[in-house]
Amino acid sequence: MRLLLVVPWWRDCQDFSDEESRELEAEYLEDMPDVAAGRARAAAALGLELPDRSTVLARLSEVATRLGKDYVLIFTPEGNPYEPLFAA
Protein backbone atom coordinates (compact mmCIF):
# COMPACT_ATOMS: atom_id res chain seq x y z
CA MET A 1 0.00 0.00 0.00
CA ARG A 2 2.86 2.35 0.82
CA LEU A 3 4.33 1.78 -2.63
CA LEU A 4 1.06 2.75 -4.27
CA LEU A 5 0.74 5.87 -2.17
CA VAL A 6 4.34 7.10 -2.36
CA VAL A 7 5.18 6.25 -5.98
CA PRO A 8 1.96 5.40 -7.85
CA TRP A 9 4.00 5.53 -11.08
CA TRP A 10 6.13 2.60 -9.88
CA ARG A 11 5.33 0.41 -12.90
CA ASP A 12 7.22 2.84 -15.14
CA CYS A 13 10.36 2.83 -12.97
CA GLN A 14 13.20 1.16 -14.81
CA ASP A 15 16.22 1.97 -12.66
CA PHE A 16 14.46 2.75 -9.33
CA SER A 17 16.30 6.08 -8.92
CA ASP A 18 15.03 9.25 -7.26
CA GLU A 19 15.79 11.20 -10.44
CA GLU A 20 13.74 8.86 -12.61
CA SER A 21 10.92 8.89 -10.08
CA ARG A 22 10.85 12.72 -9.99
CA GLU A 23 10.55 12.79 -13.79
CA LEU A 24 7.74 10.24 -13.74
CA GLU A 25 6.04 12.14 -10.94
CA ALA A 26 6.05 15.33 -13.01
CA GLU A 27 4.35 13.49 -15.88
CA TYR A 28 1.89 11.84 -13.51
CA LEU A 29 0.96 15.15 -11.87
CA GLU A 30 0.13 16.68 -15.23
CA ASP A 31 -2.79 14.25 -15.46
CA MET A 32 -3.59 13.99 -11.74
CA PRO A 33 -2.56 17.21 -9.97
CA ASP A 34 -4.39 16.34 -6.75
CA VAL A 35 -2.40 13.17 -6.04
CA ALA A 36 -0.64 14.61 -2.97
CA ALA A 37 -3.93 15.53 -1.28
CA GLY A 38 -5.42 12.13 -2.04
CA ARG A 39 -2.26 10.42 -0.79
CA ALA A 40 -2.44 12.26 2.51
CA ARG A 41 -6.14 11.45 2.99
CA ALA A 42 -5.62 7.76 2.13
CA ALA A 43 -2.62 7.42 4.45
CA ALA A 44 -4.51 9.07 7.30
CA ALA A 45 -7.58 6.89 6.74
CA LEU A 46 -5.41 3.76 6.77
CA GLY A 47 -3.30 4.90 9.71
CA LEU A 48 -0.11 4.67 7.67
CA GLU A 49 3.05 6.65 8.05
CA LEU A 50 4.55 7.03 4.61
CA PRO A 51 8.28 6.49 4.11
CA ASP A 52 10.28 8.75 1.84
CA ARG A 53 10.53 8.04 -1.87
CA SER A 54 14.10 6.70 -1.75
CA THR A 55 13.16 4.12 0.90
CA VAL A 56 10.20 2.92 -1.17
CA LEU A 57 12.27 2.76 -4.37
CA ALA A 58 15.02 0.80 -2.61
CA ARG A 59 12.47 -1.75 -1.39
CA LEU A 60 10.88 -1.95 -4.85
CA SER A 61 14.29 -2.59 -6.38
CA GLU A 62 15.02 -5.30 -3.82
CA VAL A 63 11.74 -7.08 -4.43
CA ALA A 64 11.92 -6.75 -8.21
CA THR A 65 15.54 -7.77 -8.67
CA ARG A 66 16.74 -9.79 -5.70
CA LEU A 67 13.95 -11.53 -3.84
CA GLY A 68 12.53 -13.04 -7.02
CA LYS A 69 15.54 -15.33 -7.27
CA ASP A 70 14.23 -17.16 -4.19
CA TYR A 71 10.86 -17.94 -5.74
CA VAL A 72 9.72 -20.13 -8.61
CA LEU A 73 6.71 -19.28 -10.72
CA ILE A 74 4.80 -22.54 -10.94
CA PHE A 75 2.28 -21.60 -13.60
CA THR A 76 2.31 -18.80 -16.11
CA PRO A 77 -0.86 -16.92 -17.09
CA GLU A 78 -1.11 -19.26 -20.06
CA GLY A 79 -1.27 -22.25 -17.72
CA ASN A 80 2.10 -23.70 -18.70
CA PRO A 81 4.76 -24.59 -16.14
CA TYR A 82 7.51 -22.02 -15.96
CA GLU A 83 10.87 -23.05 -17.40
CA PRO A 84 13.79 -20.71 -16.70
CA LEU A 85 15.74 -19.54 -19.73
CA PHE A 86 19.02 -19.87 -17.91
CA ALA A 87 20.11 -22.34 -15.28
CA ALA A 88 21.02 -20.83 -11.94
PDB file of N, CA and C in Angstrom:
ATOM      1  N   MET A   1       0.822  -1.177   0.000  1.00  0.00           N
ATOM      2  CA  MET A   1       0.000   0.000   0.000  1.00  0.00           C
ATOM      3  C   MET A   1       0.873   1.249   0.000  1.00  0.00           C
ATOM      4  N   ARG A   2       1.957   1.196   0.770  1.00  0.00           N
ATOM      5  CA  ARG A   2       2.857   2.351   0.820  1.00  0.00           C
ATOM      6  C   ARG A   2       3.455   2.635  -0.558  1.00  0.00           C
ATOM      7  N   LEU A   3       3.803   1.606  -1.282  1.00  0.00           N
ATOM      8  CA  LEU A   3       4.331   1.779  -2.634  1.00  0.00           C
ATOM      9  C   LEU A   3       3.325   2.529  -3.491  1.00  0.00           C
ATOM     10  N   LEU A   4       2.087   2.115  -3.457  1.00  0.00           N
ATOM     11  CA  LEU A   4       1.056   2.753  -4.272  1.00  0.00           C
ATOM     12  C   LEU A   4       0.825   4.206  -3.883  1.00  0.00           C
ATOM     13  N   LEU A   5       0.960   4.503  -2.620  1.00  0.00           N
ATOM     14  CA  LEU A   5       0.737   5.874  -2.172  1.00  0.00           C
ATOM     15  C   LEU A   5       1.942   6.782  -2.414  1.00  0.00           C
ATOM     16  N   VAL A   6       3.142   6.263  -2.229  1.00  0.00           N
ATOM     17  CA  VAL A   6       4.340   7.101  -2.358  1.00  0.00           C
ATOM     18  C   VAL A   6       4.761   7.266  -3.812  1.00  0.00           C
ATOM     19  N   VAL A   7       4.773   6.178  -4.563  1.00  0.00           N
ATOM     20  CA  VAL A   7       5.175   6.250  -5.983  1.00  0.00           C
ATOM     21  C   VAL A   7       4.158   5.496  -6.848  1.00  0.00           C
ATOM     22  N   PRO A   8       2.980   6.092  -7.067  1.00  0.00           N
ATOM     23  CA  PRO A   8       1.958   5.396  -7.848  1.00  0.00           C
ATOM     24  C   PRO A   8       2.383   5.131  -9.296  1.00  0.00           C
ATOM     25  N   TRP A   9       3.453   5.736  -9.732  1.00  0.00           N
ATOM     26  CA  TRP A   9       4.000   5.530 -11.085  1.00  0.00           C
ATOM     27  C   TRP A   9       5.069   4.440 -11.079  1.00  0.00           C
ATOM     28  N   TRP A  10       5.083   3.596 -10.062  1.00  0.00           N
ATOM     29  CA  TRP A  10       6.131   2.599  -9.877  1.00  0.00           C
ATOM     30  C   TRP A  10       6.303   1.662 -11.065  1.00  0.00           C
ATOM     31  N   ARG A  11       5.225   1.356 -11.782  1.00  0.00           N
ATOM     32  CA  ARG A  11       5.329   0.410 -12.904  1.00  0.00           C
ATOM     33  C   ARG A  11       6.207   0.940 -14.030  1.00  0.00           C
ATOM     34  N   ASP A  12       6.382   2.253 -14.106  1.00  0.00           N
ATOM     35  CA  ASP A  12       7.218   2.837 -15.140  1.00  0.00           C
ATOM     36  C   ASP A  12       8.667   3.013 -14.708  1.00  0.00           C
ATOM     37  N   CYS A  13       8.983   2.706 -13.458  1.00  0.00           N
ATOM     38  CA  CYS A  13      10.356   2.831 -12.966  1.00  0.00           C
ATOM     39  C   CYS A  13      11.217   1.725 -13.567  1.00  0.00           C
ATOM     40  N   GLN A  14      12.280   2.128 -14.219  1.00  0.00           N
ATOM     41  CA  GLN A  14      13.202   1.164 -14.815  1.00  0.00           C
ATOM     42  C   GLN A  14      14.453   0.974 -13.960  1.00  0.00           C
ATOM     43  N   ASP A  15      14.977   2.083 -13.427  1.00  0.00           N
ATOM     44  CA  ASP A  15      16.218   1.975 -12.659  1.00  0.00           C
ATOM     45  C   ASP A  15      16.047   2.307 -11.179  1.00  0.00           C
ATOM     46  N   PHE A  16      14.801   2.552 -10.740  1.00  0.00           N
ATOM     47  CA  PHE A  16      14.464   2.751  -9.327  1.00  0.00           C
ATOM     48  C   PHE A  16      15.198   3.931  -8.687  1.00  0.00           C
ATOM     49  N   SER A  17      15.561   4.932  -9.460  1.00  0.00           N
ATOM     50  CA  SER A  17      16.296   6.078  -8.918  1.00  0.00           C
ATOM     51  C   SER A  17      15.346   7.212  -8.554  1.00  0.00           C
ATOM     52  N   ASP A  18      15.810   8.078  -7.634  1.00  0.00           N
ATOM     53  CA  ASP A  18      15.031   9.252  -7.260  1.00  0.00           C
ATOM     54  C   ASP A  18      14.841  10.170  -8.471  1.00  0.00           C
ATOM     55  N   GLU A  19      15.880  10.330  -9.264  1.00  0.00           N
ATOM     56  CA  GLU A  19      15.789  11.204 -10.438  1.00  0.00           C
ATOM     57  C   GLU A  19      14.712  10.714 -11.406  1.00  0.00           C
ATOM     58  N   GLU A  20      14.746   9.429 -11.708  1.00  0.00           N
ATOM     59  CA  GLU A  20      13.745   8.855 -12.607  1.00  0.00           C
ATOM     60  C   GLU A  20      12.346   9.019 -12.012  1.00  0.00           C
ATOM     61  N   SER A  21      12.220   8.787 -10.726  1.00  0.00           N
ATOM     62  CA  SER A  21      10.919   8.888 -10.078  1.00  0.00           C
ATOM     63  C   SER A  21      10.399  10.327 -10.117  1.00  0.00           C
ATOM     64  N   ARG A  22      11.277  11.305  -9.919  1.00  0.00           N
ATOM     65  CA  ARG A  22      10.852  12.716  -9.988  1.00  0.00           C
ATOM     66  C   ARG A  22      10.335  13.055 -11.391  1.00  0.00           C
ATOM     67  N   GLU A  23      10.999  12.546 -12.420  1.00  0.00           N
ATOM     68  CA  GLU A  23      10.554  12.790 -13.795  1.00  0.00           C
ATOM     69  C   GLU A  23       9.186  12.150 -14.042  1.00  0.00           C
ATOM     70  N   LEU A  24       9.021  10.924 -13.581  1.00  0.00           N
ATOM     71  CA  LEU A  24       7.741  10.238 -13.740  1.00  0.00           C
ATOM     72  C   LEU A  24       6.647  10.933 -12.940  1.00  0.00           C
ATOM     73  N   GLU A  25       7.005  11.421 -11.766  1.00  0.00           N
ATOM     74  CA  GLU A  25       6.037  12.136 -10.936  1.00  0.00           C
ATOM     75  C   GLU A  25       5.536  13.387 -11.658  1.00  0.00           C
ATOM     76  N   ALA A  26       6.446  14.115 -12.289  1.00  0.00           N
ATOM     77  CA  ALA A  26       6.049  15.330 -13.006  1.00  0.00           C
ATOM     78  C   ALA A  26       5.039  15.000 -14.107  1.00  0.00           C
ATOM     79  N   GLU A  27       5.289  13.920 -14.836  1.00  0.00           N
ATOM     80  CA  GLU A  27       4.350  13.493 -15.883  1.00  0.00           C
ATOM     81  C   GLU A  27       3.012  13.080 -15.274  1.00  0.00           C
ATOM     82  N   TYR A  28       3.078  12.347 -14.189  1.00  0.00           N
ATOM     83  CA  TYR A  28       1.888  11.841 -13.513  1.00  0.00           C
ATOM     84  C   TYR A  28       1.029  12.996 -13.015  1.00  0.00           C
ATOM     85  N   LEU A  29       1.686  14.015 -12.442  1.00  0.00           N
ATOM     86  CA  LEU A  29       0.962  15.147 -11.873  1.00  0.00           C
ATOM     87  C   LEU A  29       0.305  16.017 -12.931  1.00  0.00           C
ATOM     88  N   GLU A  30       0.789  15.942 -14.156  1.00  0.00           N
ATOM     89  CA  GLU A  30       0.126  16.676 -15.231  1.00  0.00           C
ATOM     90  C   GLU A  30      -1.304  16.169 -15.410  1.00  0.00           C
ATOM     91  N   ASP A  31      -1.475  14.855 -15.290  1.00  0.00           N
ATOM     92  CA  ASP A  31      -2.794  14.247 -15.457  1.00  0.00           C
ATOM     93  C   ASP A  31      -3.603  14.212 -14.164  1.00  0.00           C
ATOM     94  N   MET A  32      -2.909  14.127 -13.044  1.00  0.00           N
ATOM     95  CA  MET A  32      -3.590  13.988 -11.742  1.00  0.00           C
ATOM     96  C   MET A  32      -2.956  14.943 -10.727  1.00  0.00           C
ATOM     97  N   PRO A  33      -3.226  16.238 -10.839  1.00  0.00           N
ATOM     98  CA  PRO A  33      -2.558  17.212  -9.975  1.00  0.00           C
ATOM     99  C   PRO A  33      -2.913  17.112  -8.492  1.00  0.00           C
ATOM    100  N   ASP A  34      -3.979  16.425  -8.149  1.00  0.00           N
ATOM    101  CA  ASP A  34      -4.392  16.336  -6.746  1.00  0.00           C
ATOM    102  C   ASP A  34      -3.915  15.063  -6.049  1.00  0.00           C
ATOM    103  N   VAL A  35      -2.905  14.421  -6.603  1.00  0.00           N
ATOM    104  CA  VAL A  35      -2.400  13.166  -6.037  1.00  0.00           C
ATOM    105  C   VAL A  35      -1.915  13.351  -4.601  1.00  0.00           C
ATOM    106  N   ALA A  36      -1.192  14.412  -4.318  1.00  0.00           N
ATOM    107  CA  ALA A  36      -0.643  14.609  -2.972  1.00  0.00           C
ATOM    108  C   ALA A  36      -1.750  14.701  -1.924  1.00  0.00           C
ATOM    109  N   ALA A  37      -2.814  15.413  -2.236  1.00  0.00           N
ATOM    110  CA  ALA A  37      -3.925  15.533  -1.281  1.00  0.00           C
ATOM    111  C   ALA A  37      -4.606  14.186  -1.079  1.00  0.00           C
ATOM    112  N   GLY A  38      -4.810  13.460  -2.145  1.00  0.00           N
ATOM    113  CA  GLY A  38      -5.418  12.134  -2.042  1.00  0.00           C
ATOM    114  C   GLY A  38      -4.537  11.175  -1.277  1.00  0.00           C
ATOM    115  N   ARG A  39      -3.233  11.270  -1.500  1.00  0.00           N
ATOM    116  CA  ARG A  39      -2.259  10.422  -0.793  1.00  0.00           C
ATOM    117  C   ARG A  39      -2.354  10.669   0.707  1.00  0.00           C
ATOM    118  N   ALA A  40      -2.381  11.922   1.087  1.00  0.00           N
ATOM    119  CA  ALA A  40      -2.437  12.260   2.510  1.00  0.00           C
ATOM    120  C   ALA A  40      -3.732  11.753   3.143  1.00  0.00           C
ATOM    121  N   ARG A  41      -4.854  11.925   2.454  1.00  0.00           N
ATOM    122  CA  ARG A  41      -6.139  11.449   2.989  1.00  0.00           C
ATOM    123  C   ARG A  41      -6.138   9.927   3.114  1.00  0.00           C
ATOM    124  N   ALA A  42      -5.643   9.237   2.104  1.00  0.00           N
ATOM    125  CA  ALA A  42      -5.624   7.762   2.133  1.00  0.00           C
ATOM    126  C   ALA A  42      -4.725   7.256   3.254  1.00  0.00           C
ATOM    127  N   ALA A  43      -3.542   7.846   3.391  1.00  0.00           N
ATOM    128  CA  ALA A  43      -2.616   7.415   4.446  1.00  0.00           C
ATOM    129  C   ALA A  43      -3.229   7.638   5.822  1.00  0.00           C
ATOM    130  N   ALA A  44      -3.879   8.776   6.012  1.00  0.00           N
ATOM    131  CA  ALA A  44      -4.513   9.068   7.301  1.00  0.00           C
ATOM    132  C   ALA A  44      -5.649   8.091   7.575  1.00  0.00           C
ATOM    133  N   ALA A  45      -6.457   7.807   6.562  1.00  0.00           N
ATOM    134  CA  ALA A  45      -7.582   6.885   6.739  1.00  0.00           C
ATOM    135  C   ALA A  45      -7.106   5.480   7.073  1.00  0.00           C
ATOM    136  N   LEU A  46      -5.963   5.095   6.533  1.00  0.00           N
ATOM    137  CA  LEU A  46      -5.415   3.757   6.774  1.00  0.00           C
ATOM    138  C   LEU A  46      -4.487   3.706   7.980  1.00  0.00           C
ATOM    139  N   GLY A  47      -4.213   4.855   8.563  1.00  0.00           N
ATOM    140  CA  GLY A  47      -3.305   4.899   9.714  1.00  0.00           C
ATOM    141  C   GLY A  47      -1.873   4.595   9.343  1.00  0.00           C
ATOM    142  N   LEU A  48      -1.465   4.966   8.143  1.00  0.00           N
ATOM    143  CA  LEU A  48      -0.115   4.671   7.672  1.00  0.00           C
ATOM    144  C   LEU A  48       0.795   5.881   7.758  1.00  0.00           C
ATOM    145  N   GLU A  49       2.010   5.641   8.182  1.00  0.00           N
ATOM    146  CA  GLU A  49       3.054   6.654   8.045  1.00  0.00           C
ATOM    147  C   GLU A  49       3.784   6.310   6.763  1.00  0.00           C
ATOM    148  N   LEU A  50       3.932   7.292   5.898  1.00  0.00           N
ATOM    149  CA  LEU A  50       4.548   7.027   4.606  1.00  0.00           C
ATOM    150  C   LEU A  50       6.045   7.278   4.650  1.00  0.00           C
ATOM    151  N   PRO A  51       6.829   6.301   4.185  1.00  0.00           N
ATOM    152  CA  PRO A  51       8.279   6.489   4.114  1.00  0.00           C
ATOM    153  C   PRO A  51       8.619   7.451   2.971  1.00  0.00           C
ATOM    154  N   ASP A  52       9.875   7.879   2.926  1.00  0.00           N
ATOM    155  CA  ASP A  52      10.275   8.751   1.835  1.00  0.00           C
ATOM    156  C   ASP A  52      10.430   7.945   0.551  1.00  0.00           C
ATOM    157  N   ARG A  53      10.478   8.661  -0.547  1.00  0.00           N
ATOM    158  CA  ARG A  53      10.528   8.038  -1.868  1.00  0.00           C
ATOM    159  C   ARG A  53      11.738   7.111  -2.024  1.00  0.00           C
ATOM    160  N   SER A  54      12.913   7.525  -1.554  1.00  0.00           N
ATOM    161  CA  SER A  54      14.105   6.701  -1.746  1.00  0.00           C
ATOM    162  C   SER A  54      13.990   5.362  -1.010  1.00  0.00           C
ATOM    163  N   THR A  55      13.369   5.364   0.157  1.00  0.00           N
ATOM    164  CA  THR A  55      13.158   4.116   0.899  1.00  0.00           C
ATOM    165  C   THR A  55      12.233   3.179   0.131  1.00  0.00           C
ATOM    166  N   VAL A  56      11.157   3.729  -0.406  1.00  0.00           N
ATOM    167  CA  VAL A  56      10.200   2.919  -1.171  1.00  0.00           C
ATOM    168  C   VAL A  56      10.848   2.380  -2.443  1.00  0.00           C
ATOM    169  N   LEU A  57      11.618   3.211  -3.138  1.00  0.00           N
ATOM    170  CA  LEU A  57      12.273   2.763  -4.374  1.00  0.00           C
ATOM    171  C   LEU A  57      13.325   1.698  -4.089  1.00  0.00           C
ATOM    172  N   ALA A  58      14.034   1.816  -2.982  1.00  0.00           N
ATOM    173  CA  ALA A  58      15.021   0.799  -2.614  1.00  0.00           C
ATOM    174  C   ALA A  58      14.337  -0.545  -2.355  1.00  0.00           C
ATOM    175  N   ARG A  59      13.214  -0.511  -1.669  1.00  0.00           N
ATOM    176  CA  ARG A  59      12.470  -1.752  -1.388  1.00  0.00           C
ATOM    177  C   ARG A  59      11.907  -2.349  -2.676  1.00  0.00           C
ATOM    178  N   LEU A  60      11.383  -1.488  -3.560  1.00  0.00           N
ATOM    179  CA  LEU A  60      10.883  -1.953  -4.847  1.00  0.00           C
ATOM    180  C   LEU A  60      11.992  -2.622  -5.644  1.00  0.00           C
ATOM    181  N   SER A  61      13.152  -2.008  -5.667  1.00  0.00           N
ATOM    182  CA  SER A  61      14.292  -2.587  -6.377  1.00  0.00           C
ATOM    183  C   SER A  61      14.667  -3.946  -5.799  1.00  0.00           C
ATOM    184  N   GLU A  62      14.684  -4.037  -4.484  1.00  0.00           N
ATOM    185  CA  GLU A  62      15.025  -5.297  -3.815  1.00  0.00           C
ATOM    186  C   GLU A  62      14.034  -6.398  -4.191  1.00  0.00           C
ATOM    187  N   VAL A  63      12.767  -6.088  -4.123  1.00  0.00           N
ATOM    188  CA  VAL A  63      11.741  -7.078  -4.427  1.00  0.00           C
ATOM    189  C   VAL A  63      11.780  -7.469  -5.895  1.00  0.00           C
ATOM    190  N   ALA A  64      11.973  -6.490  -6.775  1.00  0.00           N
ATOM    191  CA  ALA A  64      11.924  -6.751  -8.211  1.00  0.00           C
ATOM    192  C   ALA A  64      13.163  -7.462  -8.730  1.00  0.00           C
ATOM    193  N   THR A  65      14.307  -7.228  -8.103  1.00  0.00           N
ATOM    194  CA  THR A  65      15.545  -7.768  -8.670  1.00  0.00           C
ATOM    195  C   THR A  65      16.235  -8.833  -7.838  1.00  0.00           C
ATOM    196  N   ARG A  66      15.995  -8.846  -6.533  1.00  0.00           N
ATOM    197  CA  ARG A  66      16.740  -9.791  -5.697  1.00  0.00           C
ATOM    198  C   ARG A  66      15.871 -10.897  -5.118  1.00  0.00           C
ATOM    199  N   LEU A  67      14.768 -10.524  -4.521  1.00  0.00           N
ATOM    200  CA  LEU A  67      13.945 -11.526  -3.845  1.00  0.00           C
ATOM    201  C   LEU A  67      13.364 -12.540  -4.812  1.00  0.00           C
ATOM    202  N   GLY A  68      13.112 -12.141  -6.040  1.00  0.00           N
ATOM    203  CA  GLY A  68      12.528 -13.045  -7.021  1.00  0.00           C
ATOM    204  C   GLY A  68      13.368 -14.270  -7.288  1.00  0.00           C
ATOM    205  N   LYS A  69      14.658 -14.189  -7.044  1.00  0.00           N
ATOM    206  CA  LYS A  69      15.537 -15.334  -7.267  1.00  0.00           C
ATOM    207  C   LYS A  69      15.238 -16.479  -6.300  1.00  0.00           C
ATOM    208  N   ASP A  70      14.561 -16.150  -5.195  1.00  0.00           N
ATOM    209  CA  ASP A  70      14.234 -17.157  -4.191  1.00  0.00           C
ATOM    210  C   ASP A  70      12.893 -17.837  -4.435  1.00  0.00           C
ATOM    211  N   TYR A  71      12.192 -17.414  -5.471  1.00  0.00           N
ATOM    212  CA  TYR A  71      10.860 -17.944  -5.741  1.00  0.00           C
ATOM    213  C   TYR A  71      10.788 -18.527  -7.141  1.00  0.00           C
ATOM    214  N   VAL A  72       9.925 -19.504  -7.317  1.00  0.00           N
ATOM    215  CA  VAL A  72       9.723 -20.128  -8.614  1.00  0.00           C
ATOM    216  C   VAL A  72       8.270 -19.938  -9.012  1.00  0.00           C
ATOM    217  N   LEU A  73       8.055 -19.420 -10.199  1.00  0.00           N
ATOM    218  CA  LEU A  73       6.709 -19.275 -10.725  1.00  0.00           C
ATOM    219  C   LEU A  73       6.263 -20.644 -11.219  1.00  0.00           C
ATOM    220  N   ILE A  74       5.229 -21.189 -10.616  1.00  0.00           N
ATOM    221  CA  ILE A  74       4.803 -22.538 -10.945  1.00  0.00           C
ATOM    222  C   ILE A  74       3.994 -22.562 -12.230  1.00  0.00           C
ATOM    223  N   PHE A  75       3.085 -21.639 -12.376  1.00  0.00           N
ATOM    224  CA  PHE A  75       2.284 -21.599 -13.598  1.00  0.00           C
ATOM    225  C   PHE A  75       2.267 -20.179 -14.152  1.00  0.00           C
ATOM    226  N   THR A  76       2.387 -20.083 -15.435  1.00  0.00           N
ATOM    227  CA  THR A  76       2.312 -18.799 -16.114  1.00  0.00           C
ATOM    228  C   THR A  76       0.847 -18.473 -16.365  1.00  0.00           C
ATOM    229  N   PRO A  77       0.543 -17.248 -16.779  1.00  0.00           N
ATOM    230  CA  PRO A  77      -0.855 -16.916 -17.087  1.00  0.00           C
ATOM    231  C   PRO A  77      -1.458 -17.819 -18.160  1.00  0.00           C
ATOM    232  N   GLU A  78      -0.627 -18.371 -19.011  1.00  0.00           N
ATOM    233  CA  GLU A  78      -1.114 -19.257 -20.062  1.00  0.00           C
ATOM    234  C   GLU A  78      -1.383 -20.672 -19.555  1.00  0.00           C
ATOM    235  N   GLY A  79      -1.026 -20.939 -18.292  1.00  0.00           N
ATOM    236  CA  GLY A  79      -1.269 -22.250 -17.716  1.00  0.00           C
ATOM    237  C   GLY A  79      -0.144 -23.251 -17.926  1.00  0.00           C
ATOM    238  N   ASN A  80       0.962 -22.809 -18.470  1.00  0.00           N
ATOM    239  CA  ASN A  80       2.096 -23.702 -18.705  1.00  0.00           C
ATOM    240  C   ASN A  80       3.103 -23.585 -17.572  1.00  0.00           C
ATOM    241  N   PRO A  81       3.718 -24.680 -17.176  1.00  0.00           N
ATOM    242  CA  PRO A  81       4.757 -24.593 -16.138  1.00  0.00           C
ATOM    243  C   PRO A  81       5.881 -23.679 -16.604  1.00  0.00           C
ATOM    244  N   TYR A  82       6.421 -22.934 -15.670  1.00  0.00           N
ATOM    245  CA  TYR A  82       7.513 -22.018 -15.965  1.00  0.00           C
ATOM    246  C   TYR A  82       8.810 -22.795 -16.151  1.00  0.00           C
ATOM    247  N   GLU A  83       9.541 -22.469 -17.185  1.00  0.00           N
ATOM    248  CA  GLU A  83      10.866 -23.046 -17.399  1.00  0.00           C
ATOM    249  C   GLU A  83      11.855 -21.901 -17.548  1.00  0.00           C
ATOM    250  N   PRO A  84      12.838 -21.814 -16.635  1.00  0.00           N
ATOM    251  CA  PRO A  84      13.787 -20.707 -16.702  1.00  0.00           C
ATOM    252  C   PRO A  84      14.598 -20.772 -18.000  1.00  0.00           C
ATOM    253  N   LEU A  85      14.927 -19.596 -18.517  1.00  0.00           N
ATOM    254  CA  LEU A  85      15.737 -19.539 -19.731  1.00  0.00           C
ATOM    255  C   LEU A  85      17.186 -19.917 -19.457  1.00  0.00           C
ATOM    256  N   PHE A  86      17.650 -19.582 -18.261  1.00  0.00           N
ATOM    257  CA  PHE A  86      19.022 -19.868 -17.907  1.00  0.00           C
ATOM    258  C   PHE A  86      19.072 -20.630 -16.605  1.00  0.00           C
ATOM    259  N   ALA A  87      19.956 -21.576 -16.524  1.00  0.00           N
ATOM    260  CA  ALA A  87      20.110 -22.338 -15.281  1.00  0.00           C
ATOM    261  C   ALA A  87      20.800 -21.477 -14.247  1.00  0.00           C
ATOM    262  N   ALA A  88      20.424 -21.626 -13.010  1.00  0.00           N
ATOM    263  CA  ALA A  88      21.018 -20.828 -11.935  1.00  0.00           C
ATOM    264  C   ALA A  88      22.397 -21.312 -11.594  1.00  0.00           C
TER     265      ALA A  88
END
